[in-house]
Amino acid sequence: MSGNARRHTLAVLTIVALTSFQAALAQAPAASGNAFRDNPDWSVTDGALTTQSTPKDRGLVTRATLADSITAFEYRAPAGARATFFVQGRYAFELVGNGNWVPFSLRFRAPRFDPGYNKLENAFVLEMHNGADLRRNAIIEGPSTGAIWGGEDRRGPAFIVVQQGPFAVRNSRHDGADFEQVKLPKSSGGETNEKELQDLVALGKNTFTQLGCEACHLVEADSAAVSSGPNLFGLFRTDPRNREVVEGGEGHRFQIKAGREYLHRSVRAPAEQLAVAESGPTKGQPYLPVMPPFPRETLSDAQIDAIGDYLATLNEPQHRGPLTKLATLAPSAPYDPLADAMQ
């Protein structure tokens, strides 16, 4: 592939990767549509969680405890009814009923602290849609009045507390994000560097699809379909897990951490270490060496890292990586074959 062709391909991938928040949610792993823990004060009616009112200590609480996050749900309440959504249990967004289903979505960057827990940066809202209300790049200097917790922290669950019901919530999502490279605006409503960044999860998914990886690798949990390569759901976690491989002509077997080094090695030289099937009729047997190697002229280290960001989303919630990651297209760490050999 020529240099111009490579640049053109990367440009196309970059454009595709700059997707909207709603598109990022749509391509996420399938979920139940309910981000909240079971709560006896809320019942399920026509697929929606409903309540008359809930004291603050019995509001809906998300299953996930997150730092940076993206949230989406719909709510409905009659005129005069109202509730509050507390992201991280600290920062309030008012939900006011008008009799119709109202869409709410939020991209939130958590406050930053140094190792001594001194706050370095305020929390801020990259974007919030609440019906017709839109907020962008809004700095949050501290917990809101009436917050669940008065002190700030790196992470926390989100809550919905109803002040006056009845109230209903449906189609809720609350997922992790990585907005580390997004810089705070100088003042609320000001510009950030977001336009200079890419969603590497979206880029990784698009690259994975354009390379035809789905022809040989399944990406769904417990899929019964047959594939020539391992199922990638649950393989690359935020905390790398062990997986068995076979190396060399003598078939030496050993355990290896399924982290980014393993991903790079599997893409660059897939025949050197063959994954052992973990389920199905061939369980315990190595996969055949049919995957072609991808040299740097075809696929950069940064693109492999982006694929890794996407694959990390293919997990159960407790092991899932950020659903979106806004960053520059650069590898997280230089690929070092010598370090790989020493693993």
C-alpha atoms as a PDB file:
ATOM      1  CA  MET A   1       0.000   0.000   0.000  1.00  0.00           C
ATOM      2  CA  SER A   2       1.496   3.373  -1.010  1.00  0.00           C
ATOM      3  CA  GLY A   3       1.989   6.243   1.425  1.00  0.00           C
ATOM      4  CA  ASN A   4      -0.804   8.234  -0.244  1.00  0.00           C
ATOM      5  CA  ALA A   5      -3.162   5.266  -0.079  1.00  0.00           C
ATOM      6  CA  ARG A   6      -2.363   4.731   3.594  1.00  0.00           C
ATOM      7  CA  ARG A   7      -3.004   8.409   4.351  1.00  0.00           C
ATOM      8  CA  HIS A   8      -6.270   8.290   2.417  1.00  0.00           C
ATOM      9  CA  THR A   9      -7.394   5.160   4.287  1.00  0.00           C
ATOM     10  CA  LEU A  10      -6.526   6.700   7.647  1.00  0.00           C
ATOM     11  CA  ALA A  11      -8.359   9.910   6.709  1.00  0.00           C
ATOM     12  CA  VAL A  12     -11.482   7.928   5.817  1.00  0.00           C
ATOM     13  CA  LEU A  13     -11.282   6.014   9.099  1.00  0.00           C
ATOM     14  CA  THR A  14     -10.840   9.250  11.010  1.00  0.00           C
ATOM     15  CA  ILE A  15     -13.919  10.833   9.451  1.00  0.00           C
ATOM     16  CA  VAL A  16     -16.011   7.758  10.183  1.00  0.00           C
ATOM     17  CA  ALA A  17     -14.726   7.675  13.761  1.00  0.00           C
ATOM     18  CA  LEU A  18     -15.996  11.165  14.527  1.00  0.00           C
ATOM     19  CA  THR A  19     -19.441   9.842  15.388  1.00  0.00           C
ATOM     20  CA  SER A  20     -22.115  11.379  17.574  1.00  0.00           C
ATOM     21  CA  PHE A  21     -22.786  10.420  21.162  1.00  0.00           C
ATOM     22  CA  GLN A  22     -25.949   8.616  20.114  1.00  0.00           C
ATOM     23  CA  ALA A  23     -24.036   6.562  17.541  1.00  0.00           C
ATOM     24  CA  ALA A  24     -21.533   5.526  20.201  1.00  0.00           C
ATOM     25  CA  LEU A  25     -24.369   4.207  22.328  1.00  0.00           C
ATOM     26  CA  ALA A  26     -25.887   2.385  19.389  1.00  0.00           C
ATOM     27  CA  GLN A  27     -22.710   0.434  18.665  1.00  0.00           C
ATOM     28  CA  ALA A  28     -22.115  -0.528  22.307  1.00  0.00           C
ATOM     29  CA  PRO A  29     -22.475  -4.117  23.472  1.00  0.00           C
ATOM     30  CA  ALA A  30     -26.081  -5.123  23.939  1.00  0.00           C
ATOM     31  CA  ALA A  31     -27.543  -4.247  27.309  1.00  0.00           C
ATOM     32  CA  SER A  32     -30.844  -4.783  29.091  1.00  0.00           C
ATOM     33  CA  GLY A  33     -31.881  -1.140  28.748  1.00  0.00           C
ATOM     34  CA  ASN A  34     -31.833  -0.700  32.505  1.00  0.00           C
ATOM     35  CA  ALA A  35     -28.719   0.844  34.036  1.00  0.00           C
ATOM     36  CA  PHE A  36     -30.209   0.897  37.540  1.00  0.00           C
ATOM     37  CA  ARG A  37     -30.193  -1.576  40.401  1.00  0.00           C
ATOM     38  CA  ASP A  38     -33.418  -3.201  41.526  1.00  0.00           C
ATOM     39  CA  ASN A  39     -35.395  -0.941  43.849  1.00  0.00           C
ATOM     40  CA  PRO A  40     -38.606  -1.953  45.666  1.00  0.00           C
ATOM     41  CA  ASP A  41     -39.904   1.636  45.411  1.00  0.00           C
ATOM     42  CA  TRP A  42     -39.902   1.346  41.615  1.00  0.00           C
ATOM     43  CA  SER A  43     -42.000  -1.132  39.611  1.00  0.00           C
ATOM     44  CA  VAL A  44     -41.829  -2.119  35.943  1.00  0.00           C
ATOM     45  CA  THR A  45     -44.793  -0.966  33.857  1.00  0.00           C
ATOM     46  CA  ASP A  46     -44.800  -1.330  30.055  1.00  0.00           C
ATOM     47  CA  GLY A  47     -41.026  -1.682  30.044  1.00  0.00           C
ATOM     48  CA  ALA A  48     -40.431   1.438  32.149  1.00  0.00           C
ATOM     49  CA  LEU A  49     -39.426   1.853  35.793  1.00  0.00           C
ATOM     50  CA  THR A  50     -42.158   3.812  37.568  1.00  0.00           C
ATOM     51  CA  THR A  51     -42.671   5.304  41.016  1.00  0.00           C
ATOM     52  CA  GLN A  52     -44.907   7.788  42.804  1.00  0.00           C
ATOM     53  CA  SER A  53     -42.024   9.377  44.738  1.00  0.00           C
ATOM     54  CA  THR A  54     -38.846   8.229  46.469  1.00  0.00           C
ATOM     55  CA  PRO A  55     -37.030   9.602  49.515  1.00  0.00           C
ATOM     56  CA  LYS A  56     -33.452  10.637  48.770  1.00  0.00           C
ATOM     57  CA  ASP A  57     -32.037   7.578  50.519  1.00  0.00           C
ATOM     58  CA  ARG A  58     -34.136   5.259  48.294  1.00  0.00           C
ATOM     59  CA  GLY A  59     -33.654   6.734  44.828  1.00  0.00           C
ATOM     60  CA  LEU A  60     -32.646   4.745  41.788  1.00  0.00           C
ATOM     61  CA  VAL A  61     -28.921   3.918  41.833  1.00  0.00           C
ATOM     62  CA  THR A  62     -26.855   2.851  38.825  1.00  0.00           C
ATOM     63  CA  ARG A  63     -25.206  -0.546  38.807  1.00  0.00           C
ATOM     64  CA  ALA A  64     -21.908   1.002  37.705  1.00  0.00           C
ATOM     65  CA  THR A  65     -19.651   3.256  39.790  1.00  0.00           C
ATOM     66  CA  LEU A  66     -17.799   5.422  37.285  1.00  0.00           C
ATOM     67  CA  ALA A  67     -15.410   8.326  36.806  1.00  0.00           C
ATOM     68  CA  ASP A  68     -15.832   9.745  33.286  1.00  0.00           C
ATOM     69  CA  SER A  69     -19.181   8.565  31.965  1.00  0.00           C
ATOM     70  CA  ILE A  70     -21.845   8.758  29.298  1.00  0.00           C
ATOM     71  CA  THR A  71     -25.490   8.452  30.288  1.00  0.00           C
ATOM     72  CA  ALA A  72     -28.725   8.258  28.351  1.00  0.00           C
ATOM     73  CA  PHE A  73     -32.339   7.601  29.325  1.00  0.00           C
ATOM     74  CA  GLU A  74     -35.871   8.815  28.719  1.00  0.00           C
ATOM     75  CA  TYR A  75     -38.198  10.058  31.447  1.00  0.00           C
ATOM     76  CA  ARG A  76     -41.882  10.881  31.599  1.00  0.00           C
ATOM     77  CA  ALA A  77     -43.889  12.677  34.259  1.00  0.00           C
ATOM     78  CA  PRO A  78     -46.962  14.907  34.311  1.00  0.00           C
ATOM     79  CA  ALA A  79     -46.578  18.672  34.413  1.00  0.00           C
ATOM     80  CA  GLY A  80     -45.515  19.699  37.916  1.00  0.00           C
ATOM     81  CA  ALA A  81     -43.743  16.424  38.696  1.00  0.00           C
ATOM     82  CA  ARG A  82     -39.970  16.597  38.965  1.00  0.00           C
ATOM     83  CA  ALA A  83     -36.874  14.617  39.859  1.00  0.00           C
ATOM     84  CA  THR A  84     -33.113  15.133  40.015  1.00  0.00           C
ATOM     85  CA  PHE A  85     -30.389  13.142  38.318  1.00  0.00           C
ATOM     86  CA  PHE A  86     -27.186  13.196  40.398  1.00  0.00           C
ATOM     87  CA  VAL A  87     -24.171  12.054  38.371  1.00  0.00           C
ATOM     88  CA  GLN A  88     -21.612  10.538  40.773  1.00  0.00           C
ATOM     89  CA  GLY A  89     -24.214  11.255  43.464  1.00  0.00           C
ATOM     90  CA  ARG A  90     -22.942  14.855  43.559  1.00  0.00           C
ATOM     91  CA  TYR A  91     -23.760  16.945  40.503  1.00  0.00           C
ATOM     92  CA  ALA A  92     -27.443  17.697  39.879  1.00  0.00           C
ATOM     93  CA  PHE A  93     -29.521  17.890  36.708  1.00  0.00           C
ATOM     94  CA  GLU A  94     -33.213  18.698  37.059  1.00  0.00           C
ATOM     95  CA  LEU A  95     -35.783  16.500  35.319  1.00  0.00           C
ATOM     96  CA  VAL A  96     -39.089  18.331  34.923  1.00  0.00           C
ATOM     97  CA  GLY A  97     -42.198  16.565  33.646  1.00  0.00           C
ATOM     98  CA  ASN A  98     -44.299  17.792  30.727  1.00  0.00           C
ATOM     99  CA  GLY A  99     -46.468  14.727  30.136  1.00  0.00           C
ATOM    100  CA  ASN A 100     -44.319  13.353  27.295  1.00  0.00           C
ATOM    101  CA  TRP A 101     -41.238  11.140  27.097  1.00  0.00           C
ATOM    102  CA  VAL A 102     -38.199  13.411  27.337  1.00  0.00           C
ATOM    103  CA  PRO A 103     -34.724  12.239  26.182  1.00  0.00           C
ATOM    104  CA  PHE A 104     -31.786  12.950  28.488  1.00  0.00           C
ATOM    105  CA  SER A 105     -28.123  12.371  27.609  1.00  0.00           C
ATOM    106  CA  LEU A 106     -24.909  13.429  29.308  1.00  0.00           C
ATOM    107  CA  ARG A 107     -21.176  13.227  28.622  1.00  0.00           C
ATOM    108  CA  PHE A 108     -19.405  13.926  31.900  1.00  0.00           C
ATOM    109  CA  ARG A 109     -15.731  14.321  32.817  1.00  0.00           C
ATOM    110  CA  ALA A 110     -14.979  13.615  36.478  1.00  0.00           C
ATOM    111  CA  PRO A 111     -12.805  15.882  38.629  1.00  0.00           C
ATOM    112  CA  ARG A 112      -9.080  15.125  38.700  1.00  0.00           C
ATOM    113  CA  PHE A 113      -6.991  14.688  41.851  1.00  0.00           C
ATOM    114  CA  ASP A 114      -3.292  14.293  42.595  1.00  0.00           C
ATOM    115  CA  PRO A 115      -1.978  11.289  44.607  1.00  0.00           C
ATOM    116  CA  GLY A 116      -2.548  13.253  47.817  1.00  0.00           C
ATOM    117  CA  TYR A 117      -6.198  13.734  46.838  1.00  0.00           C
ATOM    118  CA  ASN A 118      -5.846  17.452  46.220  1.00  0.00           C
ATOM    119  CA  LYS A 119      -8.198  18.467  43.436  1.00  0.00           C
ATOM    120  CA  LEU A 120      -6.382  19.483  40.266  1.00  0.00           C
ATOM    121  CA  GLU A 121      -9.312  20.065  37.911  1.00  0.00           C
ATOM    122  CA  ASN A 122     -13.032  20.618  38.310  1.00  0.00           C
ATOM    123  CA  ALA A 123     -15.633  18.278  36.890  1.00  0.00           C
ATOM    124  CA  PHE A 124     -17.266  19.466  33.700  1.00  0.00           C
ATOM    125  CA  VAL A 125     -20.026  18.617  31.259  1.00  0.00           C
ATOM    126  CA  LEU A 126     -18.852  18.032  27.704  1.00  0.00           C
ATOM    127  CA  GLU A 127     -22.436  17.909  26.518  1.00  0.00           C
ATOM    128  CA  MET A 128     -25.880  17.568  28.083  1.00  0.00           C
ATOM    129  CA  HIS A 129     -29.232  17.240  26.310  1.00  0.00           C
ATOM    130  CA  ASN A 130     -32.365  17.442  28.438  1.00  0.00           C
ATOM    131  CA  GLY A 131     -35.268  17.686  26.031  1.00  0.00           C
ATOM    132  CA  ALA A 132     -34.750  21.026  24.254  1.00  0.00           C
ATOM    133  CA  ASP A 133     -32.159  22.164  26.832  1.00  0.00           C
ATOM    134  CA  LEU A 134     -28.548  21.903  25.628  1.00  0.00           C
ATOM    135  CA  ARG A 135     -25.389  22.576  27.645  1.00  0.00           C
ATOM    136  CA  ARG A 136     -21.809  22.260  26.444  1.00  0.00           C
ATOM    137  CA  ASN A 137     -18.469  22.622  28.206  1.00  0.00           C
ATOM    138  CA  ALA A 138     -20.027  23.605  31.530  1.00  0.00           C
ATOM    139  CA  ILE A 139     -17.599  23.622  34.478  1.00  0.00           C
ATOM    140  CA  ILE A 140     -18.891  22.242  37.793  1.00  0.00           C
ATOM    141  CA  GLU A 141     -16.959  23.675  40.719  1.00  0.00           C
ATOM    142  CA  GLY A 142     -18.384  21.412  43.425  1.00  0.00           C
ATOM    143  CA  PRO A 143     -21.315  19.269  44.582  1.00  0.00           C
ATOM    144  CA  SER A 144     -24.809  20.629  44.013  1.00  0.00           C
ATOM    145  CA  THR A 145     -27.207  21.625  46.766  1.00  0.00           C
ATOM    146  CA  GLY A 146     -29.048  18.552  47.964  1.00  0.00           C
ATOM    147  CA  ALA A 147     -26.420  16.127  46.652  1.00  0.00           C
ATOM    148  CA  ILE A 148     -26.246  12.583  47.993  1.00  0.00           C
ATOM    149  CA  TRP A 149     -22.657  13.265  49.108  1.00  0.00           C
ATOM    150  CA  GLY A 150     -21.137  16.630  49.931  1.00  0.00           C
ATOM    151  CA  GLY A 151     -17.507  15.724  49.210  1.00  0.00           C
ATOM    152  CA  GLU A 152     -15.990  15.132  45.796  1.00  0.00           C
ATOM    153  CA  ASP A 153     -14.362  11.910  44.660  1.00  0.00           C
ATOM    154  CA  ARG A 154     -12.844  10.341  41.572  1.00  0.00           C
ATOM    155  CA  ARG A 155     -15.898   8.230  40.878  1.00  0.00           C
ATOM    156  CA  GLY A 156     -19.340   7.271  42.107  1.00  0.00           C
ATOM    157  CA  PRO A 157     -22.725   5.849  41.070  1.00  0.00           C
ATOM    158  CA  ALA A 158     -25.481   8.016  39.635  1.00  0.00           C
ATOM    159  CA  PHE A 159     -28.904   8.503  41.252  1.00  0.00           C
ATOM    160  CA  ILE A 160     -32.413   9.547  40.247  1.00  0.00           C
ATOM    161  CA  VAL A 161     -34.366  11.012  43.160  1.00  0.00           C
ATOM    162  CA  VAL A 162     -38.028  11.964  42.667  1.00  0.00           C
ATOM    163  CA  GLN A 163     -39.199  15.078  44.530  1.00  0.00           C
ATOM    164  CA  GLN A 164     -42.752  14.924  43.183  1.00  0.00           C
ATOM    165  CA  GLY A 165     -44.216  12.021  41.228  1.00  0.00           C
ATOM    166  CA  PRO A 166     -45.378  10.043  39.507  1.00  0.00           C
ATOM    167  CA  PHE A 167     -42.262   9.452  37.441  1.00  0.00           C
ATOM    168  CA  ALA A 168     -41.133   6.883  34.838  1.00  0.00           C
ATOM    169  CA  VAL A 169     -37.714   6.041  33.320  1.00  0.00           C
ATOM    170  CA  ARG A 170     -36.884   3.772  30.377  1.00  0.00           C
ATOM    171  CA  ASN A 171     -34.051   2.844  27.981  1.00  0.00           C
ATOM    172  CA  SER A 172     -31.354   3.779  30.480  1.00  0.00           C
ATOM    173  CA  ARG A 173     -27.606   3.436  29.844  1.00  0.00           C
ATOM    174  CA  HIS A 174     -24.740   4.486  32.105  1.00  0.00           C
ATOM    175  CA  ASP A 175     -21.313   3.548  30.747  1.00  0.00           C
ATOM    176  CA  GLY A 176     -17.687   4.379  31.342  1.00  0.00           C
ATOM    177  CA  ALA A 177     -15.818   6.839  29.139  1.00  0.00           C
ATOM    178  CA  ASP A 178     -12.270   8.153  28.837  1.00  0.00           C
ATOM    179  CA  PHE A 179     -12.061  11.936  28.533  1.00  0.00           C
ATOM    180  CA  GLU A 180      -8.581  12.220  30.032  1.00  0.00           C
ATOM    181  CA  GLN A 181      -7.193  14.162  27.064  1.00  0.00           C
ATOM    182  CA  VAL A 182     -10.108  16.599  26.892  1.00  0.00           C
ATOM    183  CA  LYS A 183      -8.969  19.935  28.331  1.00  0.00           C
ATOM    184  CA  LEU A 184     -11.225  22.077  30.464  1.00  0.00           C
ATOM    185  CA  PRO A 185     -12.445  25.315  28.904  1.00  0.00           C
ATOM    186  CA  LYS A 186     -11.140  28.513  30.476  1.00  0.00           C
ATOM    187  CA  SER A 187     -14.708  29.286  31.537  1.00  0.00           C
ATOM    188  CA  SER A 188     -18.080  27.570  31.208  1.00  0.00           C
ATOM    189  CA  GLY A 189     -19.269  27.524  27.625  1.00  0.00           C
ATOM    190  CA  GLY A 190     -15.780  28.135  26.260  1.00  0.00           C
ATOM    191  CA  GLU A 191     -13.972  26.010  23.709  1.00  0.00           C
ATOM    192  CA  THR A 192     -12.076  22.812  24.487  1.00  0.00           C
ATOM    193  CA  ASN A 193      -9.710  20.733  22.375  1.00  0.00           C
ATOM    194  CA  GLU A 194     -12.405  18.120  21.683  1.00  0.00           C
ATOM    195  CA  LYS A 195     -12.425  18.814  17.935  1.00  0.00           C
ATOM    196  CA  GLU A 196      -8.736  17.871  17.818  1.00  0.00           C
ATOM    197  CA  LEU A 197      -9.442  14.422  19.317  1.00  0.00           C
ATOM    198  CA  GLN A 198     -10.936  11.233  17.949  1.00  0.00           C
ATOM    199  CA  ASP A 199     -13.148   8.566  19.442  1.00  0.00           C
ATOM    200  CA  LEU A 200     -10.649   5.716  19.368  1.00  0.00           C
ATOM    201  CA  VAL A 201     -13.293   3.123  20.260  1.00  0.00           C
ATOM    202  CA  ALA A 202     -15.304   4.081  17.157  1.00  0.00           C
ATOM    203  CA  LEU A 203     -12.115   4.168  15.074  1.00  0.00           C
ATOM    204  CA  GLY A 204     -11.090   0.733  16.376  1.00  0.00           C
ATOM    205  CA  LYS A 205     -14.463  -0.789  15.570  1.00  0.00           C
ATOM    206  CA  ASN A 206     -14.434   0.661  12.080  1.00  0.00           C
ATOM    207  CA  THR A 207     -10.871  -0.548  11.451  1.00  0.00           C
ATOM    208  CA  PHE A 208     -11.766  -4.014  12.774  1.00  0.00           C
ATOM    209  CA  THR A 209     -14.726  -4.154  10.370  1.00  0.00           C
ATOM    210  CA  GLN A 210     -12.866  -2.785   7.332  1.00  0.00           C
ATOM    211  CA  LEU A 211     -10.063  -5.315   7.780  1.00  0.00           C
ATOM    212  CA  GLY A 212     -12.642  -8.108   7.702  1.00  0.00           C
ATOM    213  CA  CYS A 213     -11.798  -9.393  11.181  1.00  0.00           C
ATOM    214  CA  GLU A 214     -15.422 -10.402  11.828  1.00  0.00           C
ATOM    215  CA  ALA A 215     -15.128 -13.049   9.098  1.00  0.00           C
ATOM    216  CA  CYS A 216     -12.898 -15.123  11.408  1.00  0.00           C
ATOM    217  CA  HIS A 217     -13.626 -13.780  14.921  1.00  0.00           C
ATOM    218  CA  LEU A 218     -16.937 -13.809  16.763  1.00  0.00           C
ATOM    219  CA  VAL A 219     -17.690 -10.795  18.976  1.00  0.00           C
ATOM    220  CA  GLU A 220     -20.801 -11.944  20.838  1.00  0.00           C
ATOM    221  CA  ALA A 221     -20.956 -13.715  24.197  1.00  0.00           C
ATOM    222  CA  ASP A 222     -21.638 -17.458  24.100  1.00  0.00           C
ATOM    223  CA  SER A 223     -22.119 -17.496  20.328  1.00  0.00           C
ATOM    224  CA  ALA A 224     -22.682 -20.997  18.941  1.00  0.00           C
ATOM    225  CA  ALA A 225     -21.441 -20.034  15.474  1.00  0.00           C
ATOM    226  CA  VAL A 226     -18.284 -21.613  14.058  1.00  0.00           C
ATOM    227  CA  SER A 227     -15.225 -19.456  13.415  1.00  0.00           C
ATOM    228  CA  SER A 228     -11.610 -20.035  12.421  1.00  0.00           C
ATOM    229  CA  GLY A 229     -10.327 -17.770  15.191  1.00  0.00           C
ATOM    230  CA  PRO A 230     -11.145 -17.288  18.874  1.00  0.00           C
ATOM    231  CA  ASN A 231     -14.246 -15.456  20.036  1.00  0.00           C
ATOM    232  CA  LEU A 232     -13.044 -12.005  21.106  1.00  0.00           C
ATOM    233  CA  PHE A 233     -15.891 -11.298  23.531  1.00  0.00           C
ATOM    234  CA  GLY A 234     -14.422 -11.259  27.035  1.00  0.00           C
ATOM    235  CA  LEU A 235     -10.833 -11.716  25.860  1.00  0.00           C
ATOM    236  CA  PHE A 236      -9.406  -8.210  26.285  1.00  0.00           C
ATOM    237  CA  ARG A 237     -10.454  -6.772  29.642  1.00  0.00           C
ATOM    238  CA  THR A 238      -9.489  -3.626  31.516  1.00  0.00           C
ATOM    239  CA  ASP A 239      -7.607  -5.946  33.892  1.00  0.00           C
ATOM    240  CA  PRO A 240      -5.917  -8.431  31.502  1.00  0.00           C
ATOM    241  CA  ARG A 241      -6.785 -12.071  32.109  1.00  0.00           C
ATOM    242  CA  ASN A 242      -4.801 -15.220  31.429  1.00  0.00           C
ATOM    243  CA  ARG A 243      -5.274 -17.248  28.295  1.00  0.00           C
ATOM    244  CA  GLU A 244      -3.486 -20.382  27.059  1.00  0.00           C
ATOM    245  CA  VAL A 245      -1.362 -20.364  23.904  1.00  0.00           C
ATOM    246  CA  VAL A 246       0.773 -22.868  22.000  1.00  0.00           C
ATOM    247  CA  GLU A 247       4.209 -21.796  20.789  1.00  0.00           C
ATOM    248  CA  GLY A 248       6.803 -23.387  18.535  1.00  0.00           C
ATOM    249  CA  GLY A 249       6.910 -26.601  16.527  1.00  0.00           C
ATOM    250  CA  GLU A 250       7.014 -28.719  19.686  1.00  0.00           C
ATOM    251  CA  GLY A 251       3.704 -27.333  20.825  1.00  0.00           C
ATOM    252  CA  HIS A 252       4.903 -25.746  24.075  1.00  0.00           C
ATOM    253  CA  ARG A 253       1.863 -24.598  26.063  1.00  0.00           C
ATOM    254  CA  PHE A 254       1.790 -21.805  28.610  1.00  0.00           C
ATOM    255  CA  GLN A 255      -0.399 -19.035  30.039  1.00  0.00           C
ATOM    256  CA  ILE A 256      -0.041 -15.446  28.903  1.00  0.00           C
ATOM    257  CA  LYS A 257      -1.701 -12.175  29.888  1.00  0.00           C
ATOM    258  CA  ALA A 258      -4.170 -11.062  27.225  1.00  0.00           C
ATOM    259  CA  GLY A 259      -3.061  -7.432  27.269  1.00  0.00           C
ATOM    260  CA  ARG A 260      -1.970  -4.954  24.615  1.00  0.00           C
ATOM    261  CA  GLU A 261       1.401  -6.673  24.048  1.00  0.00           C
ATOM    262  CA  TYR A 262      -0.436  -9.910  23.298  1.00  0.00           C
ATOM    263  CA  LEU A 263      -2.781  -8.083  20.916  1.00  0.00           C
ATOM    264  CA  HIS A 264       0.116  -6.492  19.012  1.00  0.00           C
ATOM    265  CA  ARG A 265       1.945  -9.813  18.753  1.00  0.00           C
ATOM    266  CA  SER A 266      -1.221 -11.591  17.607  1.00  0.00           C
ATOM    267  CA  VAL A 267      -1.673  -9.049  14.807  1.00  0.00           C
ATOM    268  CA  ARG A 268       1.970  -8.739  13.731  1.00  0.00           C
ATOM    269  CA  ALA A 269       3.003 -12.412  13.976  1.00  0.00           C
ATOM    270  CA  PRO A 270      -0.140 -14.487  14.602  1.00  0.00           C
ATOM    271  CA  ALA A 271       1.485 -17.864  13.845  1.00  0.00           C
ATOM    272  CA  GLU A 272       4.101 -17.539  16.602  1.00  0.00           C
ATOM    273  CA  GLN A 273       1.637 -18.135  19.430  1.00  0.00           C
ATOM    274  CA  LEU A 274      -1.611 -19.927  18.632  1.00  0.00           C
ATOM    275  CA  ALA A 275      -4.560 -19.378  20.922  1.00  0.00           C
ATOM    276  CA  VAL A 276      -6.099 -22.459  22.493  1.00  0.00           C
ATOM    277  CA  ALA A 277      -9.879 -22.812  22.132  1.00  0.00           C
ATOM    278  CA  GLU A 278     -11.619 -22.151  25.440  1.00  0.00           C
ATOM    279  CA  SER A 279     -15.031 -23.589  24.541  1.00  0.00           C
ATOM    280  CA  GLY A 280     -16.917 -25.511  21.894  1.00  0.00           C
ATOM    281  CA  PRO A 281     -16.140 -28.849  20.220  1.00  0.00           C
ATOM    282  CA  THR A 282     -12.438 -27.949  19.777  1.00  0.00           C
ATOM    283  CA  LYS A 283     -11.921 -26.862  23.388  1.00  0.00           C
ATOM    284  CA  GLY A 284      -8.308 -27.416  24.430  1.00  0.00           C
ATOM    285  CA  GLN A 285      -6.982 -27.469  20.871  1.00  0.00           C
ATOM    286  CA  PRO A 286      -4.994 -24.644  19.267  1.00  0.00           C
ATOM    287  CA  TYR A 287      -6.563 -22.726  16.409  1.00  0.00           C
ATOM    288  CA  LEU A 288      -5.033 -23.306  12.980  1.00  0.00           C
ATOM    289  CA  PRO A 289      -2.407 -20.745  11.828  1.00  0.00           C
ATOM    290  CA  VAL A 290      -4.611 -19.186   9.143  1.00  0.00           C
ATOM    291  CA  MET A 291      -4.559 -15.534  10.192  1.00  0.00           C
ATOM    292  CA  PRO A 292      -2.343 -13.372   7.956  1.00  0.00           C
ATOM    293  CA  PRO A 293       0.179 -11.035   9.597  1.00  0.00           C
ATOM    294  CA  PHE A 294      -0.462  -7.298   9.359  1.00  0.00           C
ATOM    295  CA  PRO A 295       2.775  -5.304   8.922  1.00  0.00           C
ATOM    296  CA  ARG A 296       3.095  -1.654   9.921  1.00  0.00           C
ATOM    297  CA  GLU A 297       2.783  -0.644   6.271  1.00  0.00           C
ATOM    298  CA  THR A 298      -0.796  -1.920   6.400  1.00  0.00           C
ATOM    299  CA  LEU A 299      -1.765  -1.264  10.028  1.00  0.00           C
ATOM    300  CA  SER A 300      -0.041   1.141  12.416  1.00  0.00           C
ATOM    301  CA  ASP A 301       0.616   0.489  16.110  1.00  0.00           C
ATOM    302  CA  ALA A 302      -1.833   3.287  16.905  1.00  0.00           C
ATOM    303  CA  GLN A 303      -4.561   1.593  14.880  1.00  0.00           C
ATOM    304  CA  ILE A 304      -3.953  -1.688  16.711  1.00  0.00           C
ATOM    305  CA  ASP A 305      -4.321   0.171  20.001  1.00  0.00           C
ATOM    306  CA  ALA A 306      -7.608   1.604  18.731  1.00  0.00           C
ATOM    307  CA  ILE A 307      -8.784  -1.906  17.875  1.00  0.00           C
ATOM    308  CA  GLY A 308      -7.829  -2.856  21.439  1.00  0.00           C
ATOM    309  CA  ASP A 309      -9.956   0.013  22.769  1.00  0.00           C
ATOM    310  CA  TYR A 310     -12.917  -1.382  20.825  1.00  0.00           C
ATOM    311  CA  LEU A 311     -12.294  -4.998  21.871  1.00  0.00           C
ATOM    312  CA  ALA A 312     -12.190  -3.900  25.521  1.00  0.00           C
ATOM    313  CA  THR A 313     -15.865  -2.912  25.191  1.00  0.00           C
ATOM    314  CA  LEU A 314     -16.762  -6.517  24.309  1.00  0.00           C
ATOM    315  CA  ASN A 315     -17.147  -7.626  27.910  1.00  0.00           C
ATOM    316  CA  GLU A 316     -19.619  -8.028  30.705  1.00  0.00           C
ATOM    317  CA  PRO A 317     -20.110  -4.665  32.485  1.00  0.00           C
ATOM    318  CA  GLN A 318     -17.684  -5.372  35.337  1.00  0.00           C
ATOM    319  CA  HIS A 319     -14.824  -5.968  32.876  1.00  0.00           C
ATOM    320  CA  ARG A 320     -15.807  -3.542  30.104  1.00  0.00           C
ATOM    321  CA  GLY A 321     -13.527  -0.778  28.918  1.00  0.00           C
ATOM    322  CA  PRO A 322     -14.691   2.781  28.207  1.00  0.00           C
ATOM    323  CA  LEU A 323     -17.490   2.992  25.663  1.00  0.00           C
ATOM    324  CA  THR A 324     -15.887   6.067  24.135  1.00  0.00           C
ATOM    325  CA  LYS A 325     -12.309   7.344  24.349  1.00  0.00           C
ATOM    326  CA  LEU A 326     -11.489  10.819  23.063  1.00  0.00           C
ATOM    327  CA  ALA A 327      -7.762  11.030  22.399  1.00  0.00           C
ATOM    328  CA  THR A 328      -5.110  11.609  19.777  1.00  0.00           C
ATOM    329  CA  LEU A 329      -4.288   8.764  17.416  1.00  0.00           C
ATOM    330  CA  ALA A 330      -1.071   7.627  19.035  1.00  0.00           C
ATOM    331  CA  PRO A 331      -0.131   4.263  20.554  1.00  0.00           C
ATOM    332  CA  SER A 332      -0.480   4.047  24.320  1.00  0.00           C
ATOM    333  CA  ALA A 333       3.082   2.692  24.503  1.00  0.00           C
ATOM    334  CA  PRO A 334       5.687   1.813  21.875  1.00  0.00           C
ATOM    335  CA  TYR A 335       5.445  -1.807  20.754  1.00  0.00           C
ATOM    336  CA  ASP A 336       8.584  -3.631  21.901  1.00  0.00           C
ATOM    337  CA  PRO A 337       9.103  -7.109  20.409  1.00  0.00           C
ATOM    338  CA  LEU A 338      11.986  -7.764  22.839  1.00  0.00           C
ATOM    339  CA  ALA A 339       9.675  -7.081  25.781  1.00  0.00           C
ATOM    340  CA  ASP A 340       7.159  -9.441  24.214  1.00  0.00           C
ATOM    341  CA  ALA A 341       9.766 -12.179  23.996  1.00  0.00           C
ATOM    342  CA  MET A 342      10.487 -11.817  27.707  1.00  0.00           C
ATOM    343  CA  GLN A 343       6.837 -12.209  28.753  1.00  0.00           C
END
